[in-house]
N, C-alpha and C. Protein backbone atom coordinates (compact mmCIF):
# COMPACT_ATOMS: atom_id res chain seq x y z
N ALA A 1 1.50 23.11 34.59
CA ALA A 1 1.88 22.07 35.55
C ALA A 1 3.16 22.47 36.25
N TYR A 2 3.24 22.20 37.53
CA TYR A 2 4.42 22.57 38.30
C TYR A 2 5.39 21.40 38.29
N THR A 3 6.57 21.64 37.74
CA THR A 3 7.56 20.56 37.65
C THR A 3 8.81 20.89 38.42
N GLY A 4 8.95 22.15 38.87
CA GLY A 4 10.16 22.56 39.57
C GLY A 4 11.25 23.01 38.63
N ASN A 5 10.99 22.98 37.35
CA ASN A 5 11.98 23.38 36.37
C ASN A 5 11.80 24.84 35.97
N ILE A 6 12.85 25.42 35.39
CA ILE A 6 12.73 26.77 34.88
C ILE A 6 11.64 26.81 33.82
N GLY A 7 10.82 27.84 33.88
CA GLY A 7 9.74 27.97 32.91
C GLY A 7 8.38 27.66 33.51
N ASP A 8 8.36 27.13 34.74
CA ASP A 8 7.09 26.89 35.41
C ASP A 8 6.34 28.21 35.54
N GLY A 9 5.05 28.15 35.39
CA GLY A 9 4.24 29.35 35.53
C GLY A 9 4.08 30.10 34.22
N LYS A 10 4.75 29.67 33.20
CA LYS A 10 4.61 30.32 31.90
C LYS A 10 3.75 29.44 31.00
N ILE A 11 2.79 30.08 30.37
CA ILE A 11 1.94 29.36 29.43
C ILE A 11 2.07 30.07 28.09
N PHE A 12 2.46 29.34 27.09
CA PHE A 12 2.63 29.93 25.77
C PHE A 12 1.42 29.58 24.91
N VAL A 13 0.76 30.63 24.41
CA VAL A 13 -0.39 30.43 23.52
C VAL A 13 -0.01 31.00 22.17
N LEU A 14 0.14 30.13 21.21
CA LEU A 14 0.53 30.58 19.88
C LEU A 14 -0.68 30.54 18.95
N PRO A 15 -0.84 31.58 18.15
CA PRO A 15 -1.96 31.55 17.19
C PRO A 15 -1.73 30.48 16.14
N VAL A 16 -2.76 29.72 15.87
CA VAL A 16 -2.65 28.67 14.85
C VAL A 16 -3.18 29.26 13.55
N GLU A 17 -2.27 29.61 12.67
CA GLU A 17 -2.70 30.25 11.43
C GLU A 17 -3.21 29.22 10.44
N GLU A 18 -2.53 28.11 10.37
CA GLU A 18 -3.00 27.04 9.49
C GLU A 18 -2.52 25.71 10.02
N ALA A 19 -3.46 24.84 10.31
CA ALA A 19 -3.11 23.52 10.82
C ALA A 19 -2.89 22.59 9.63
N ILE A 20 -1.86 21.80 9.72
CA ILE A 20 -1.57 20.85 8.64
C ILE A 20 -1.34 19.47 9.25
N ARG A 21 -2.12 18.51 8.80
CA ARG A 21 -1.91 17.13 9.24
C ARG A 21 -0.94 16.50 8.25
N VAL A 22 0.27 16.23 8.74
CA VAL A 22 1.34 15.82 7.84
C VAL A 22 1.04 14.49 7.16
N ARG A 23 0.51 13.54 7.92
CA ARG A 23 0.30 12.20 7.35
C ARG A 23 -0.65 12.22 6.16
N THR A 24 -1.74 12.99 6.29
CA THR A 24 -2.77 12.94 5.25
C THR A 24 -2.68 14.10 4.28
N GLY A 25 -1.96 15.16 4.67
CA GLY A 25 -1.85 16.31 3.80
C GLY A 25 -3.05 17.23 3.90
N GLU A 26 -3.98 16.93 4.83
CA GLU A 26 -5.13 17.80 5.01
C GLU A 26 -4.67 19.12 5.62
N THR A 27 -5.34 20.19 5.23
CA THR A 27 -5.00 21.49 5.79
C THR A 27 -6.25 22.16 6.33
N GLY A 28 -6.03 23.22 7.10
CA GLY A 28 -7.15 23.98 7.64
C GLY A 28 -7.95 23.18 8.64
N GLU A 29 -9.27 23.44 8.67
CA GLU A 29 -10.13 22.81 9.67
C GLU A 29 -10.20 21.30 9.50
N ALA A 30 -10.01 20.81 8.30
CA ALA A 30 -10.09 19.37 8.05
C ALA A 30 -8.99 18.62 8.79
N ALA A 31 -7.87 19.30 9.06
CA ALA A 31 -6.75 18.65 9.73
C ALA A 31 -6.97 18.57 11.23
N LEU A 32 -7.92 19.34 11.74
CA LEU A 32 -8.19 19.31 13.17
C LEU A 32 -9.20 18.23 13.43
């Protein structure tokens, strides 16, 4: 999205090694 701020045009894609749902404590695919 163009906002006019520094950083526009950059998209950060981080590998998700393990997803954790904090509220329920579920991990892995169950947390998604």
